[in-house]
Amino acid sequence: MAAKSSALEKPVPALRQAAAGDAVAIPSLDRLIHERVRLGIVSALAANRALTFNELKKLLRITDGNLSVHARKLEEAGYVSCSKSFQGRMPKTEYTLTETGRKALEKYLNHMEALIQAMKR
C-alpha cells in the first residue's frame, strides 16, 4: 500500500552541530515512526513474528482507540500489515511488521545513532 502524504510523514529538518567551524548535518528522522506509540508498535513487532491487537495493547499500556489510530497510520504507510480472523467465535486481529516497516525502523535507528554520535562530539 502506498504511503499517503501528510504532515506526520514529513521529515524533521536536519539538525546541525558546529565542530571546529564545520557544520555536521544529521539525517532527518521519520516522523511517522518517531511518535512514541508508533515507535513502540514497530519495535514490538520487530522483536516478535506477530502480535495480536490485545497483546500490543497490553504491552504498550494504551487504549483500544489509541492503538487503532496509530496502527492504522502504520498500516496506511505500508509499515505493518493487519490480518483479521476468528479463533472460535472470537475475532482476532494480528499485526506483523512488513519489509518496508523493517527497513524504515532500521533507517530510523541509524539516524538516531548518528544524532547521538554527533552530540558526543
N, C-alpha and C. Protein backbone atom coordinates (compact mmCIF):
# COMPACT_ATOMS: atom_id res chain seq x y z
N MET A 1 0.84 -1.16 0.00
CA MET A 1 0.00 0.00 0.00
C MET A 1 0.89 1.23 0.00
N ALA A 2 0.63 2.20 -0.86
CA ALA A 2 1.46 3.39 -0.97
C ALA A 2 1.25 4.30 0.22
N ALA A 3 2.32 4.95 0.60
CA ALA A 3 2.24 5.87 1.74
C ALA A 3 1.51 7.13 1.33
N LYS A 4 0.63 7.61 2.19
CA LYS A 4 -0.08 8.85 1.94
C LYS A 4 0.77 10.00 2.42
N SER A 5 0.66 11.12 1.74
CA SER A 5 1.42 12.29 2.15
C SER A 5 0.65 13.04 3.22
N SER A 6 1.31 13.31 4.33
CA SER A 6 0.69 14.08 5.39
C SER A 6 1.78 14.79 6.16
N ALA A 7 1.37 15.71 7.00
CA ALA A 7 2.33 16.45 7.81
C ALA A 7 3.12 15.51 8.72
N LEU A 8 2.51 14.41 9.15
CA LEU A 8 3.19 13.47 10.04
C LEU A 8 4.34 12.77 9.35
N GLU A 9 4.27 12.63 8.04
CA GLU A 9 5.26 11.87 7.33
C GLU A 9 6.43 12.73 6.85
N LYS A 10 6.33 14.05 6.96
CA LYS A 10 7.40 14.92 6.52
C LYS A 10 8.56 14.80 7.49
N PRO A 11 9.79 14.73 6.96
CA PRO A 11 10.93 14.57 7.86
C PRO A 11 11.16 15.82 8.69
N VAL A 12 11.70 15.62 9.87
CA VAL A 12 12.10 16.72 10.72
C VAL A 12 13.31 17.35 10.07
N PRO A 13 13.42 18.69 10.04
CA PRO A 13 14.60 19.31 9.43
C PRO A 13 15.88 18.78 10.07
N ALA A 14 16.91 18.65 9.26
CA ALA A 14 18.19 18.13 9.75
C ALA A 14 18.75 19.06 10.82
N LEU A 15 19.31 18.47 11.86
CA LEU A 15 19.96 19.23 12.92
C LEU A 15 21.42 19.40 12.57
N ARG A 16 22.00 20.47 13.01
CA ARG A 16 23.40 20.72 12.72
C ARG A 16 24.15 20.99 14.02
N GLN A 17 25.40 20.61 14.04
CA GLN A 17 26.25 20.87 15.19
C GLN A 17 27.58 21.38 14.67
N ALA A 18 28.01 22.49 15.20
CA ALA A 18 29.29 23.05 14.78
C ALA A 18 30.41 22.28 15.47
N ALA A 19 31.39 21.85 14.70
CA ALA A 19 32.55 21.14 15.24
C ALA A 19 33.78 21.73 14.55
N ALA A 20 34.56 22.46 15.31
CA ALA A 20 35.77 23.09 14.78
C ALA A 20 35.45 23.92 13.54
N GLY A 21 34.33 24.66 13.58
CA GLY A 21 33.97 25.54 12.47
C GLY A 21 33.21 24.86 11.36
N ASP A 22 33.08 23.54 11.40
CA ASP A 22 32.36 22.81 10.36
C ASP A 22 30.99 22.40 10.86
N ALA A 23 29.99 22.58 10.03
CA ALA A 23 28.64 22.14 10.37
C ALA A 23 28.50 20.69 9.96
N VAL A 24 27.93 19.88 10.86
CA VAL A 24 27.71 18.46 10.58
C VAL A 24 26.22 18.24 10.43
N ALA A 25 25.79 17.79 9.27
CA ALA A 25 24.37 17.54 9.04
C ALA A 25 23.98 16.20 9.65
N ILE A 26 22.85 16.20 10.32
CA ILE A 26 22.30 14.98 10.91
C ILE A 26 21.10 14.58 10.07
N PRO A 27 20.99 13.32 9.70
CA PRO A 27 19.86 12.89 8.87
C PRO A 27 18.51 13.18 9.52
N SER A 28 17.52 13.45 8.69
CA SER A 28 16.16 13.71 9.16
C SER A 28 15.53 12.43 9.70
N LEU A 29 14.70 12.58 10.72
CA LEU A 29 14.01 11.45 11.33
C LEU A 29 12.68 11.20 10.64
N ASP A 30 12.27 9.95 10.58
CA ASP A 30 10.97 9.56 10.05
C ASP A 30 9.94 9.90 11.13
N ARG A 31 9.17 10.97 10.93
CA ARG A 31 8.22 11.42 11.95
C ARG A 31 7.09 10.42 12.16
N LEU A 32 6.81 9.59 11.16
CA LEU A 32 5.77 8.58 11.33
C LEU A 32 6.17 7.58 12.41
N ILE A 33 7.42 7.19 12.42
CA ILE A 33 7.91 6.24 13.43
C ILE A 33 8.30 6.96 14.72
N HIS A 34 8.74 8.19 14.62
CA HIS A 34 9.27 8.91 15.78
C HIS A 34 8.23 9.10 16.89
N GLU A 35 6.96 9.12 16.58
CA GLU A 35 5.91 9.26 17.60
C GLU A 35 5.97 8.06 18.55
N ARG A 36 5.86 8.31 19.84
CA ARG A 36 6.10 7.31 20.88
C ARG A 36 5.31 6.01 20.69
N VAL A 37 4.02 6.08 20.47
CA VAL A 37 3.21 4.86 20.36
C VAL A 37 3.57 4.10 19.09
N ARG A 38 3.75 4.80 17.99
CA ARG A 38 4.09 4.11 16.74
C ARG A 38 5.48 3.48 16.82
N LEU A 39 6.42 4.15 17.48
CA LEU A 39 7.74 3.57 17.68
C LEU A 39 7.62 2.30 18.53
N GLY A 40 6.76 2.34 19.53
CA GLY A 40 6.52 1.16 20.36
C GLY A 40 5.94 0.00 19.55
N ILE A 41 5.01 0.32 18.67
CA ILE A 41 4.38 -0.72 17.84
C ILE A 41 5.41 -1.38 16.93
N VAL A 42 6.16 -0.56 16.16
CA VAL A 42 7.11 -1.16 15.22
C VAL A 42 8.25 -1.87 15.95
N SER A 43 8.67 -1.36 17.11
CA SER A 43 9.72 -2.01 17.88
C SER A 43 9.24 -3.36 18.40
N ALA A 44 8.02 -3.40 18.92
CA ALA A 44 7.47 -4.66 19.43
C ALA A 44 7.32 -5.68 18.31
N LEU A 45 6.88 -5.22 17.15
CA LEU A 45 6.71 -6.14 16.02
C LEU A 45 8.05 -6.58 15.45
N ALA A 46 9.08 -5.75 15.56
CA ALA A 46 10.42 -6.14 15.08
C ALA A 46 10.99 -7.25 15.96
N ALA A 47 10.59 -7.25 17.22
CA ALA A 47 11.09 -8.26 18.16
C ALA A 47 10.24 -9.52 18.20
N ASN A 48 9.09 -9.51 17.55
CA ASN A 48 8.17 -10.64 17.53
C ASN A 48 7.70 -10.91 16.11
N ARG A 49 7.46 -12.16 15.80
CA ARG A 49 6.97 -12.51 14.45
C ARG A 49 5.65 -11.82 14.17
N ALA A 50 4.76 -11.82 15.16
CA ALA A 50 3.45 -11.18 15.03
C ALA A 50 2.91 -10.97 16.44
N LEU A 51 2.03 -9.98 16.57
CA LEU A 51 1.36 -9.74 17.84
C LEU A 51 -0.11 -9.43 17.58
N THR A 52 -0.96 -9.89 18.47
CA THR A 52 -2.38 -9.59 18.34
C THR A 52 -2.65 -8.18 18.86
N PHE A 53 -3.81 -7.67 18.52
CA PHE A 53 -4.25 -6.36 18.99
C PHE A 53 -4.17 -6.30 20.51
N ASN A 54 -4.71 -7.32 21.18
CA ASN A 54 -4.72 -7.33 22.65
C ASN A 54 -3.31 -7.42 23.24
N GLU A 55 -2.42 -8.17 22.59
CA GLU A 55 -1.04 -8.26 23.07
C GLU A 55 -0.34 -6.90 22.97
N LEU A 56 -0.53 -6.22 21.83
CA LEU A 56 0.06 -4.90 21.67
C LEU A 56 -0.51 -3.90 22.67
N LYS A 57 -1.82 -3.95 22.85
CA LYS A 57 -2.49 -3.04 23.78
C LYS A 57 -1.94 -3.22 25.20
N LYS A 58 -1.79 -4.45 25.61
CA LYS A 58 -1.29 -4.75 26.95
C LYS A 58 0.18 -4.36 27.07
N LEU A 59 0.97 -4.69 26.07
CA LEU A 59 2.40 -4.40 26.08
C LEU A 59 2.67 -2.90 26.14
N LEU A 60 1.92 -2.13 25.37
CA LEU A 60 2.14 -0.68 25.28
C LEU A 60 1.33 0.11 26.31
N ARG A 61 0.40 -0.58 26.99
CA ARG A 61 -0.44 0.05 28.01
C ARG A 61 -1.19 1.26 27.45
N ILE A 62 -1.92 1.01 26.36
CA ILE A 62 -2.70 2.06 25.72
C ILE A 62 -4.13 1.57 25.50
N THR A 63 -5.01 2.50 25.16
CA THR A 63 -6.41 2.16 24.95
C THR A 63 -6.64 1.54 23.57
N ASP A 64 -7.79 0.93 23.41
CA ASP A 64 -8.17 0.35 22.11
C ASP A 64 -8.11 1.41 21.02
N GLY A 65 -8.74 2.56 21.29
CA GLY A 65 -8.81 3.63 20.29
C GLY A 65 -7.44 4.16 19.91
N ASN A 66 -6.58 4.34 20.90
CA ASN A 66 -5.24 4.85 20.65
C ASN A 66 -4.46 3.87 19.77
N LEU A 67 -4.52 2.59 20.11
CA LEU A 67 -3.82 1.58 19.32
C LEU A 67 -4.38 1.53 17.90
N SER A 68 -5.69 1.56 17.78
CA SER A 68 -6.33 1.51 16.45
C SER A 68 -5.85 2.63 15.55
N VAL A 69 -5.85 3.84 16.07
CA VAL A 69 -5.47 5.01 15.26
C VAL A 69 -4.01 4.90 14.82
N HIS A 70 -3.12 4.59 15.73
CA HIS A 70 -1.70 4.53 15.40
C HIS A 70 -1.37 3.34 14.50
N ALA A 71 -1.98 2.20 14.75
CA ALA A 71 -1.74 1.02 13.91
C ALA A 71 -2.24 1.28 12.49
N ARG A 72 -3.36 1.97 12.36
CA ARG A 72 -3.90 2.28 11.03
C ARG A 72 -2.95 3.19 10.25
N LYS A 73 -2.35 4.18 10.92
CA LYS A 73 -1.40 5.06 10.25
C LYS A 73 -0.19 4.26 9.74
N LEU A 74 0.29 3.34 10.55
CA LEU A 74 1.41 2.50 10.14
C LEU A 74 1.00 1.57 9.01
N GLU A 75 -0.21 1.08 9.07
CA GLU A 75 -0.72 0.19 8.01
C GLU A 75 -0.86 0.97 6.69
N GLU A 76 -1.40 2.18 6.76
CA GLU A 76 -1.56 3.01 5.56
C GLU A 76 -0.21 3.34 4.92
N ALA A 77 0.83 3.46 5.75
CA ALA A 77 2.18 3.75 5.24
C ALA A 77 2.86 2.50 4.71
N GLY A 78 2.25 1.32 4.94
CA GLY A 78 2.84 0.07 4.49
C GLY A 78 3.89 -0.48 5.45
N TYR A 79 3.95 0.06 6.68
CA TYR A 79 4.94 -0.39 7.66
C TYR A 79 4.48 -1.65 8.40
N VAL A 80 3.20 -1.81 8.60
CA VAL A 80 2.67 -3.01 9.26
C VAL A 80 1.54 -3.57 8.42
N SER A 81 1.32 -4.86 8.56
CA SER A 81 0.16 -5.48 7.92
C SER A 81 -0.74 -6.02 9.02
N CYS A 82 -2.00 -6.03 8.71
CA CYS A 82 -3.02 -6.43 9.67
C CYS A 82 -3.85 -7.55 9.05
N SER A 83 -4.03 -8.62 9.81
CA SER A 83 -4.89 -9.70 9.33
C SER A 83 -5.96 -9.95 10.39
N LYS A 84 -7.16 -10.18 9.92
CA LYS A 84 -8.28 -10.43 10.82
C LYS A 84 -8.81 -11.83 10.56
N SER A 85 -9.08 -12.52 11.66
CA SER A 85 -9.60 -13.88 11.56
C SER A 85 -10.46 -14.14 12.80
N PHE A 86 -10.90 -15.36 12.91
CA PHE A 86 -11.67 -15.76 14.09
C PHE A 86 -10.96 -16.92 14.76
N GLN A 87 -10.94 -16.90 16.07
CA GLN A 87 -10.43 -18.01 16.87
C GLN A 87 -11.66 -18.52 17.62
N GLY A 88 -12.25 -19.57 17.07
CA GLY A 88 -13.55 -19.99 17.56
C GLY A 88 -14.56 -18.94 17.11
N ARG A 89 -15.27 -18.35 18.04
CA ARG A 89 -16.22 -17.29 17.71
C ARG A 89 -15.68 -15.90 18.01
N MET A 90 -14.44 -15.84 18.49
CA MET A 90 -13.84 -14.56 18.87
C MET A 90 -13.01 -13.98 17.73
N PRO A 91 -13.21 -12.71 17.41
CA PRO A 91 -12.38 -12.09 16.36
C PRO A 91 -10.94 -11.94 16.85
N LYS A 92 -10.01 -12.08 15.92
CA LYS A 92 -8.58 -11.97 16.24
C LYS A 92 -7.93 -11.07 15.20
N THR A 93 -7.32 -9.99 15.66
CA THR A 93 -6.59 -9.07 14.79
C THR A 93 -5.12 -9.23 15.10
N GLU A 94 -4.34 -9.50 14.07
CA GLU A 94 -2.92 -9.76 14.26
C GLU A 94 -2.11 -8.83 13.36
N TYR A 95 -1.03 -8.29 13.91
CA TYR A 95 -0.17 -7.36 13.19
C TYR A 95 1.21 -7.97 12.99
N THR A 96 1.80 -7.67 11.84
CA THR A 96 3.17 -8.06 11.55
C THR A 96 3.88 -6.85 10.94
N LEU A 97 5.18 -6.80 11.11
CA LEU A 97 5.99 -5.73 10.53
C LEU A 97 6.32 -6.14 9.10
N THR A 98 6.08 -5.26 8.15
CA THR A 98 6.39 -5.55 6.75
C THR A 98 7.88 -5.30 6.50
N GLU A 99 8.35 -5.72 5.36
CA GLU A 99 9.75 -5.46 5.00
C GLU A 99 9.98 -3.95 4.90
N THR A 100 9.02 -3.22 4.37
CA THR A 100 9.12 -1.76 4.31
C THR A 100 9.22 -1.17 5.71
N GLY A 101 8.43 -1.69 6.64
CA GLY A 101 8.47 -1.23 8.02
C GLY A 101 9.79 -1.56 8.69
N ARG A 102 10.31 -2.74 8.41
CA ARG A 102 11.59 -3.15 8.99
C ARG A 102 12.71 -2.23 8.49
N LYS A 103 12.69 -1.91 7.20
CA LYS A 103 13.71 -1.02 6.64
C LYS A 103 13.56 0.40 7.20
N ALA A 104 12.32 0.85 7.37
CA ALA A 104 12.08 2.19 7.93
C ALA A 104 12.57 2.26 9.37
N LEU A 105 12.34 1.21 10.15
CA LEU A 105 12.81 1.19 11.53
C LEU A 105 14.34 1.18 11.57
N GLU A 106 14.95 0.38 10.71
CA GLU A 106 16.42 0.33 10.66
C GLU A 106 16.99 1.70 10.30
N LYS A 107 16.39 2.36 9.33
CA LYS A 107 16.84 3.70 8.92
C LYS A 107 16.66 4.68 10.07
N TYR A 108 15.52 4.61 10.75
CA TYR A 108 15.25 5.48 11.90
C TYR A 108 16.30 5.27 12.99
N LEU A 109 16.59 4.03 13.32
CA LEU A 109 17.58 3.73 14.35
C LEU A 109 18.98 4.21 13.94
N ASN A 110 19.31 4.07 12.67
CA ASN A 110 20.60 4.58 12.18
C ASN A 110 20.66 6.10 12.32
N HIS A 111 19.55 6.77 12.02
CA HIS A 111 19.50 8.23 12.16
C HIS A 111 19.65 8.64 13.63
N MET A 112 18.99 7.91 14.52
CA MET A 112 19.10 8.22 15.95
C MET A 112 20.54 8.00 16.42
N GLU A 113 21.17 6.95 15.94
CA GLU A 113 22.55 6.67 16.31
C GLU A 113 23.47 7.79 15.81
N ALA A 114 23.23 8.27 14.58
CA ALA A 114 24.02 9.38 14.04
C ALA A 114 23.84 10.63 14.88
N LEU A 115 22.62 10.88 15.32
CA LEU A 115 22.33 12.04 16.16
C LEU A 115 23.07 11.93 17.49
N ILE A 116 23.03 10.77 18.09
CA ILE A 116 23.73 10.54 19.36
C ILE A 116 25.23 10.75 19.19
N GLN A 117 25.79 10.20 18.12
CA GLN A 117 27.23 10.34 17.88
C GLN A 117 27.61 11.81 17.64
N ALA A 118 26.76 12.54 16.91
CA ALA A 118 27.04 13.96 16.66
C ALA A 118 27.01 14.77 17.95
N MET A 119 26.13 14.41 18.85
CA MET A 119 26.02 15.14 20.12
C MET A 119 27.19 14.85 21.05
N LYS A 120 27.86 13.72 20.84
CA LYS A 120 29.00 13.35 21.69
C LYS A 120 30.29 14.05 21.24
N ARG A 121 30.28 14.61 20.04
CA ARG A 121 31.50 15.25 19.50
C ARG A 121 31.75 16.56 20.19
